[in-house]
Every structure is written in C-alpha cells, then in structure tokens.
Amino acid sequence: FKNTKLENIYGALLRKANEIERQDKEICSRIADRGADIFKGKKHLKILTHCNAGALATAGIGTALGVITRLHQHGQLSCVYVDETRPLLQGARLTAAELVSGQIPVRLISDSMAADVMKRKKIDAVIVGADRIAGNGDTANKIGTYGIAVLCKYHQIPFYVAAPFSTFDFSISSGKDIPIEERNPDEVRMVQGIYIAPKNIPVYNPSFDITPNELITGIITEKGALKAPYYISIKQFERSLKYE
C-alpha cells in the first residue's frame, strides 16, 4: 500500500512538473514572437543585454534571450553585446555560452564598457529580463540593469524588459516595495576563489536594482508588449487575466 501511494504521488508530481515545463516553453516562445514583432522589417540589429535570461534560466529559449534568438532565426541580427554582469559574471559565464552554442554573433564586454559601446557601436536596443515587476512598471533585475537603462535614456536607445505575466506582482504599487537582498561580500572581494581586494574591506553588494518605469520603453510579455503609462496598461493586463 505504501509503495503504491508513493508511486501515485511521484506520478502526480512528475505530471505536474512536465506540465510546468511545457507551459514555460510555450510562454518563452510567445515572448520571443511578441518581441520580434517590435523589430519587424529591421535588419543588421545590434542588441545589448545584461545578465542571463535564456534557456539556462527557463525551461524554454528564455525571455530576453528568447527574443534575441528569434531575431537571429529571422536573419535580423548583426551582433549581440553581452555585459559580463559583475560580480558573479552571469553574462560572461551563462549568456555568452548560450549565444556561442547557438552560433549567434556575440561580443562580450565588461559592464564598464556599455556606455562606450552605445556611443561607438550604435546599439539599436537593449533587451533584459526581470525578476519582479511592480504595479506601476518599476522593474527589479540583476544589479547593473538600472545603470544600463540610464545610459539608454542618454543615448536615446530603446530599453525593453522581457518577462512572463508571472513576474508581475500586482500586490505592490512601485519598486520601492521590492526588497533587495544584500549578498556575500566575498562575491566582490574575490574572483574564482582569489582575492582581488583587501580581505576585510567593507563591501556593498546588492543582488538587484530597480529600474523606474519612466526608463522602460516597453515590457514584452507572452500577451504582447505593454507600454506607458504602465499603471494603466498593467491594470488592463491584470483584468484580462481574471477572465481567462
């Protein structure tokens, strides 16, 4: 009896896991399609991204990286510039590896090079993912995202966030309500186990930052791209979900 019961539980959990995987793959594919629609008719695109929002972060082709992959499949990409994403280097370790594996033209840059790349290489758009989105469109993503958005504002470059509806937190009104974790200081003091700074130096190491909605050109979801004013478009989005 006990073995049969455990087998039933295991089977139910496996079916649920497979369903979650299927749904996530479908959502990623839809986000990729909606994002690619924004760039219809455009060729030789140069896109910059920050951190990792690809297949290693999802069950599908990713969110931000899903859009980039779809543009590549359509023959529209010239190059993807990838921030290394300090201090844990998710861009260098993960995103760069995914793009190389997918034979997508890519150049890895340090985070401090982004402004110069925008100025010299004429980036057409920035596409990033999101970990949490407030009701007004303020977005939490890996530390450094806010700085990229500010640079986009100065250089007049569209800044897009790609994320599924599950990323929206309709219970919070703005990014001020999103708690930011401060991580282990050795992530900044060390690189691959080797100290690059004094061992006891005080460190400020937030895991995320908040990009205010006024810096965001559009939020790409599986339902389509949301645009400002976000407090209206997100509210309409929330209502539409209730009737599905």
Protein backbone atom coordinates (compact mmCIF):
# COMPACT_ATOMS: atom_id res chain seq x y z
CA PHE A 1 0.00 0.00 0.00
CA LYS A 2 2.72 2.42 0.98
CA ASN A 3 4.72 1.80 -2.20
CA THR A 4 1.60 2.24 -4.33
CA LYS A 5 0.79 5.50 -2.57
CA LEU A 6 4.32 6.82 -3.06
CA GLU A 7 4.22 5.83 -6.73
CA ASN A 8 0.95 7.72 -7.16
CA ILE A 9 2.43 10.82 -5.51
CA TYR A 10 5.55 10.55 -7.64
CA GLY A 11 3.47 10.15 -10.78
CA ALA A 12 1.31 13.16 -9.93
CA LEU A 13 4.37 15.31 -9.21
CA LEU A 14 6.05 14.21 -12.44
CA ARG A 15 2.96 15.04 -14.49
CA LYS A 16 2.75 18.46 -12.84
CA ALA A 17 6.44 19.12 -13.47
CA ASN A 18 6.07 18.13 -17.13
CA GLU A 19 3.07 20.44 -17.47
CA ILE A 20 5.00 23.36 -15.91
CA GLU A 21 7.87 22.68 -18.32
CA ARG A 22 5.51 22.61 -21.31
CA GLN A 23 3.83 25.84 -20.25
CA ASP A 24 7.14 27.63 -19.72
CA LYS A 25 8.42 26.57 -23.14
CA GLU A 26 5.24 27.89 -24.72
CA ILE A 27 5.41 31.17 -22.78
CA CYS A 28 9.04 31.72 -23.78
CA SER A 29 8.19 31.07 -27.43
CA ARG A 30 5.33 33.57 -27.30
CA ILE A 31 7.51 36.21 -25.64
CA ALA A 32 10.10 35.65 -28.37
CA ASP A 33 7.45 36.14 -31.06
CA ARG A 34 5.98 39.26 -29.43
CA GLY A 35 9.43 40.75 -29.00
CA ALA A 36 10.46 40.00 -32.57
CA ASP A 37 7.29 41.73 -33.79
CA ILE A 38 8.66 45.02 -32.42
CA PHE A 39 11.60 44.83 -34.84
CA LYS A 40 9.70 43.76 -37.96
CA GLY A 41 11.40 44.86 -41.16
CA LYS A 42 14.64 45.84 -39.41
CA LYS A 43 17.97 44.26 -40.37
CA HIS A 44 21.54 44.18 -39.04
CA LEU A 45 20.36 44.84 -35.49
CA LYS A 46 22.84 45.39 -32.70
CA ILE A 47 21.34 44.39 -29.34
CA LEU A 48 22.84 44.71 -25.87
CA THR A 49 21.74 42.53 -22.95
CA HIS A 50 22.60 42.24 -19.27
CA CYS A 51 22.75 39.16 -17.01
CA ASN A 52 21.11 35.89 -18.13
CA ALA A 53 17.53 35.46 -19.28
CA GLY A 54 17.96 32.47 -21.57
CA ALA A 55 17.48 28.71 -21.66
CA LEU A 56 19.58 28.23 -18.53
CA ALA A 57 17.13 30.42 -16.58
CA THR A 58 13.93 28.94 -18.03
CA ALA A 59 12.56 25.71 -19.46
CA GLY A 60 12.34 27.25 -22.94
CA ILE A 61 14.52 29.51 -25.08
CA GLY A 62 14.38 32.25 -22.48
CA THR A 63 12.74 35.64 -22.16
CA ALA A 64 15.14 38.42 -23.22
CA LEU A 65 17.43 35.87 -24.85
CA GLY A 66 14.38 34.26 -26.42
CA VAL A 67 13.62 37.50 -28.26
CA ILE A 68 17.26 37.77 -29.33
CA THR A 69 17.26 34.15 -30.52
CA ARG A 70 14.11 34.71 -32.56
CA LEU A 71 15.65 37.78 -34.22
CA HIS A 72 18.65 35.65 -35.12
CA GLN A 73 16.39 32.97 -36.57
CA HIS A 74 14.75 35.66 -38.71
CA GLY A 75 18.15 36.78 -40.00
CA GLN A 76 17.85 40.23 -38.42
CA LEU A 77 20.82 40.26 -36.03
CA SER A 78 24.23 41.75 -36.67
CA CYS A 79 25.65 41.31 -33.15
CA VAL A 80 24.67 40.83 -29.52
CA TYR A 81 26.77 42.70 -26.96
CA VAL A 82 26.79 40.89 -23.61
CA ASP A 83 27.64 42.61 -20.34
CA GLU A 84 29.78 40.34 -18.17
CA THR A 85 27.41 41.19 -15.26
CA ARG A 86 29.60 41.61 -12.21
CA PRO A 87 30.19 40.40 -9.60
CA LEU A 88 29.00 36.84 -10.39
CA LEU A 89 29.53 37.16 -14.16
CA GLN A 90 26.27 35.56 -15.29
CA GLY A 91 26.60 37.31 -18.63
CA ALA A 92 30.11 36.01 -19.21
CA ARG A 93 29.52 32.52 -17.84
CA LEU A 94 25.95 31.83 -18.99
CA THR A 95 24.62 34.21 -21.65
CA ALA A 96 27.84 34.24 -23.66
CA ALA A 97 27.98 30.44 -23.56
CA GLU A 98 24.36 30.13 -24.75
CA LEU A 99 24.91 32.53 -27.65
CA VAL A 100 28.13 30.82 -28.75
CA SER A 101 26.37 27.46 -28.54
CA GLY A 102 23.53 28.82 -30.69
CA GLN A 103 26.02 30.25 -33.21
CA ILE A 104 24.59 33.73 -32.64
CA PRO A 105 27.08 36.56 -33.33
CA VAL A 106 28.19 37.87 -29.93
CA ARG A 107 30.76 40.10 -28.29
CA LEU A 108 31.43 40.00 -24.56
CA ILE A 109 32.13 43.33 -22.87
CA SER A 110 32.82 44.43 -19.32
CA ASP A 111 29.99 46.28 -17.60
CA SER A 112 32.04 49.48 -17.67
CA MET A 113 32.21 49.36 -21.47
CA ALA A 114 28.45 49.59 -22.08
CA ALA A 115 28.36 53.39 -22.41
CA ASP A 116 31.23 53.42 -24.89
CA VAL A 117 29.63 50.60 -26.91
CA MET A 118 26.37 52.54 -27.07
CA LYS A 119 28.23 55.60 -28.29
CA ARG A 120 30.54 53.92 -30.83
CA LYS A 121 28.67 50.83 -31.98
CA LYS A 122 25.24 52.46 -32.25
CA ILE A 123 23.23 49.89 -30.30
CA ASP A 124 19.68 49.61 -31.68
CA ALA A 125 18.05 48.35 -28.48
CA VAL A 126 18.66 46.84 -25.08
CA ILE A 127 16.64 43.79 -24.02
CA VAL A 128 16.83 42.43 -20.47
CA GLY A 129 14.80 40.10 -18.28
CA ALA A 130 13.15 40.79 -14.93
CA ASP A 131 12.81 39.06 -11.58
CA ARG A 132 9.85 41.12 -10.37
CA ILE A 133 7.67 43.90 -11.81
CA ALA A 134 5.58 46.24 -9.66
CA GLY A 135 2.10 47.51 -10.50
CA ASN A 136 3.48 50.74 -11.94
CA GLY A 137 6.06 49.03 -14.17
CA ASP A 138 9.11 49.53 -11.93
CA THR A 139 11.30 46.50 -12.54
CA ALA A 140 13.74 44.54 -10.41
CA ASN A 141 16.56 42.82 -12.26
CA LYS A 142 20.20 41.89 -11.73
CA ILE A 143 22.36 44.68 -10.34
CA GLY A 144 23.59 46.93 -13.15
CA THR A 145 20.33 46.93 -15.09
CA TYR A 146 19.33 50.36 -13.78
CA GLY A 147 22.63 51.82 -14.96
CA ILE A 148 22.09 50.39 -18.44
CA ALA A 149 18.60 51.95 -18.54
CA VAL A 150 20.03 55.36 -17.58
CA LEU A 151 22.61 55.06 -20.35
CA CYS A 152 19.86 54.19 -22.82
CA LYS A 153 17.96 57.33 -21.84
CA TYR A 154 21.01 59.49 -22.53
CA HIS A 155 21.82 57.78 -25.84
CA GLN A 156 18.15 57.60 -26.90
CA ILE A 157 18.20 53.81 -27.19
CA PRO A 158 15.01 51.76 -26.62
CA PHE A 159 15.16 49.77 -23.39
CA TYR A 160 12.91 46.68 -23.29
CA VAL A 161 12.11 44.28 -20.47
CA ALA A 162 11.01 40.76 -21.46
CA ALA A 163 9.14 38.77 -18.81
CA PRO A 164 6.11 36.47 -18.38
CA PHE A 165 2.95 37.55 -16.57
CA SER A 166 4.07 35.51 -13.53
CA THR A 167 6.77 38.15 -12.96
CA PHE A 168 4.20 40.86 -12.22
CA ASP A 169 3.44 41.41 -8.56
CA PHE A 170 0.07 43.14 -8.58
CA SER A 171 0.15 43.47 -4.79
CA ILE A 172 2.86 46.16 -4.82
CA SER A 173 2.39 49.62 -6.28
CA SER A 174 6.01 50.54 -7.01
CA GLY A 175 9.60 49.35 -6.95
CA LYS A 176 10.04 50.91 -3.51
CA ASP A 177 8.14 47.92 -2.13
CA ILE A 178 10.54 45.36 -3.61
CA PRO A 179 13.08 44.17 -1.01
CA ILE A 180 16.66 43.91 -2.27
CA GLU A 181 18.91 41.19 -0.85
CA GLU A 182 22.49 42.10 0.01
CA ARG A 183 24.76 39.19 -0.79
CA ASN A 184 28.06 37.78 0.50
CA PRO A 185 30.77 40.49 0.37
CA ASP A 186 33.31 37.94 -0.87
CA GLU A 187 31.47 37.89 -4.21
CA VAL A 188 33.01 41.33 -4.77
CA ARG A 189 36.29 40.77 -2.92
CA MET A 190 37.08 37.58 -4.82
CA VAL A 191 37.05 36.20 -8.37
CA GLN A 192 37.03 32.41 -8.66
CA GLY A 193 38.36 31.99 -5.14
CA ILE A 194 41.16 34.55 -5.46
CA TYR A 195 41.08 37.81 -3.50
CA ILE A 196 41.31 40.89 -5.74
CA ALA A 197 40.71 43.32 -2.85
CA PRO A 198 41.74 43.58 0.83
CA LYS A 199 40.16 40.65 2.67
CA ASN A 200 38.35 42.74 5.27
CA ILE A 201 37.32 45.73 3.20
CA PRO A 202 33.64 46.67 3.72
CA VAL A 203 31.50 45.84 0.69
CA TYR A 204 28.09 46.91 -0.57
CA ASN A 205 26.73 44.05 -2.68
CA PRO A 206 23.01 44.26 -3.58
CA SER A 207 21.79 41.42 -5.77
CA PHE A 208 19.30 43.53 -7.77
CA ASP A 209 18.46 47.11 -8.57
CA ILE A 210 15.19 48.79 -9.52
CA THR A 211 14.68 50.35 -12.93
CA PRO A 212 11.95 53.03 -12.71
CA ASN A 213 9.17 52.69 -15.25
CA GLU A 214 9.92 56.00 -16.98
CA LEU A 215 13.16 54.48 -18.32
CA ILE A 216 11.41 51.46 -19.85
CA THR A 217 10.32 51.64 -23.50
CA GLY A 218 8.17 48.53 -23.29
CA ILE A 219 7.55 45.37 -21.28
CA ILE A 220 7.35 42.34 -23.56
CA THR A 221 5.06 39.57 -22.30
CA GLU A 222 3.51 36.47 -23.82
CA LYS A 223 0.35 38.56 -24.34
CA GLY A 224 2.11 41.37 -26.17
CA ALA A 225 4.16 44.46 -25.34
CA LEU A 226 2.92 46.80 -22.61
CA LYS A 227 3.68 50.50 -22.96
CA ALA A 228 3.46 53.60 -20.79
CA PRO A 229 1.51 54.71 -18.91
CA TYR A 230 2.20 51.39 -17.19
CA TYR A 231 -0.15 51.89 -14.28
CA ILE A 232 -2.94 51.75 -16.88
CA SER A 233 -1.61 49.06 -19.25
CA ILE A 234 -0.63 46.76 -16.37
CA LYS A 235 -4.03 47.21 -14.72
CA GLN A 236 -5.71 46.29 -18.01
CA PHE A 237 -3.37 43.31 -18.27
CA GLU A 238 -4.32 42.22 -14.75
CA ARG A 239 -8.03 42.44 -15.57
CA SER A 240 -7.61 40.40 -18.74
CA LEU A 241 -6.00 37.57 -16.76
CA LYS A 242 -9.04 37.31 -14.49
CA TYR A 243 -11.29 36.49 -17.43
CA GLU A 244 -9.14 33.73 -18.90
